[in-house]
Amino acid sequence: MDPTVLAWALAQPAGSRATVLAAAYTGGTTRLTFDGRTVEYRSLDELGRALAVLHAAENSAARRPSVTFASFSREGSR
């Protein structure tokens, strides 16, 4: 499990899907209930992958392309 993904999940609002997954992962539980549904993961590794997918989905929407502007001039440098 990537520590940055886990830190991100734990920093999300209480009761969110990310915090529920993170709490299950850190508690060593593979069965969890969220929004009235019970899900049982086969392993902690699978649960960690689900958390990583959620992290990627949430953060890809927040990314914006970056733009850099550079200007060069030969005048005035003598």
Protein backbone atom coordinates (compact mmCIF):
# COMPACT_ATOMS: atom_id res chain seq x y z
CA MET A 1 0.00 0.00 0.00
CA ASP A 2 1.32 3.40 -1.00
CA PRO A 3 1.56 5.52 2.16
CA THR A 4 0.40 8.65 0.29
CA VAL A 5 -2.81 6.88 -0.77
CA LEU A 6 -3.46 5.79 2.80
CA ALA A 7 -2.74 9.28 4.13
CA TRP A 8 -5.08 10.78 1.53
CA ALA A 9 -7.85 8.34 2.48
CA LEU A 10 -7.51 9.02 6.19
CA ALA A 11 -7.69 12.79 5.52
CA GLN A 12 -11.08 12.49 3.77
CA PRO A 13 -14.30 13.41 5.59
CA ALA A 14 -15.47 10.89 8.18
CA GLY A 15 -17.86 8.31 6.79
CA SER A 16 -16.67 8.68 3.20
CA ARG A 17 -15.91 5.60 1.15
CA ALA A 18 -12.18 6.36 1.33
CA THR A 19 -12.14 6.57 5.14
CA VAL A 20 -14.17 3.37 5.48
CA LEU A 21 -11.74 1.52 3.19
CA ALA A 22 -8.72 2.98 5.01
CA ALA A 23 -10.12 2.05 8.42
CA ALA A 24 -10.75 -1.50 7.24
CA TYR A 25 -7.26 -1.72 5.77
CA THR A 26 -5.49 -0.40 8.86
CA GLY A 27 -7.66 -2.62 11.09
CA GLY A 28 -6.88 -5.71 9.05
CA THR A 29 -10.53 -6.28 8.16
CA THR A 30 -11.53 -7.48 4.71
CA ARG A 31 -15.30 -7.25 5.25
CA LEU A 32 -16.94 -3.84 5.45
CA THR A 33 -20.33 -2.20 5.11
CA PHE A 34 -20.86 1.12 3.38
CA ASP A 35 -24.17 2.69 2.27
CA GLY A 36 -26.08 -0.42 3.30
CA ARG A 37 -23.90 -2.77 1.23
CA THR A 38 -21.53 -5.35 2.62
CA VAL A 39 -18.41 -6.11 0.62
CA GLU A 40 -15.85 -8.76 1.44
CA TYR A 41 -12.43 -8.42 -0.18
CA ARG A 42 -10.36 -11.56 -0.72
CA SER A 43 -7.28 -10.02 0.89
CA LEU A 44 -5.87 -6.81 2.30
CA ASP A 45 -3.92 -6.46 -0.95
CA GLU A 46 -7.18 -6.40 -2.92
CA LEU A 47 -8.63 -3.85 -0.51
CA GLY A 48 -5.50 -1.73 -0.93
CA ARG A 49 -5.86 -1.89 -4.72
CA ALA A 50 -9.48 -0.73 -4.43
CA LEU A 51 -8.32 2.19 -2.32
CA ALA A 52 -5.63 3.06 -4.88
CA VAL A 53 -8.21 3.00 -7.70
CA LEU A 54 -10.49 5.30 -5.71
CA HIS A 55 -7.56 7.65 -5.04
CA ALA A 56 -6.65 7.76 -8.74
CA ALA A 57 -10.25 8.41 -9.78
CA GLU A 58 -10.71 11.22 -7.25
CA ASN A 59 -7.42 12.91 -8.04
CA SER A 60 -7.51 12.62 -11.84
CA ALA A 61 -10.64 14.78 -11.87
CA ALA A 62 -8.91 17.42 -9.73
CA ARG A 63 -5.82 17.68 -11.92
CA ARG A 64 -5.58 20.59 -14.27
CA PRO A 65 -3.08 20.93 -17.08
CA SER A 66 -0.25 23.27 -16.24
CA VAL A 67 0.89 26.01 -18.57
CA THR A 68 4.23 27.79 -18.51
CA PHE A 69 4.89 31.04 -20.31
CA ALA A 70 8.42 32.13 -21.14
CA SER A 71 9.54 35.31 -22.84
CA PHE A 72 13.00 36.08 -24.18
CA SER A 73 14.44 39.27 -25.57
CA ARG A 74 17.87 40.21 -26.95
CA GLU A 75 17.24 43.92 -26.50
CA GLY A 76 18.53 45.74 -23.45
CA SER A 77 21.04 43.10 -22.38
CA ARG A 78 24.15 44.99 -23.64
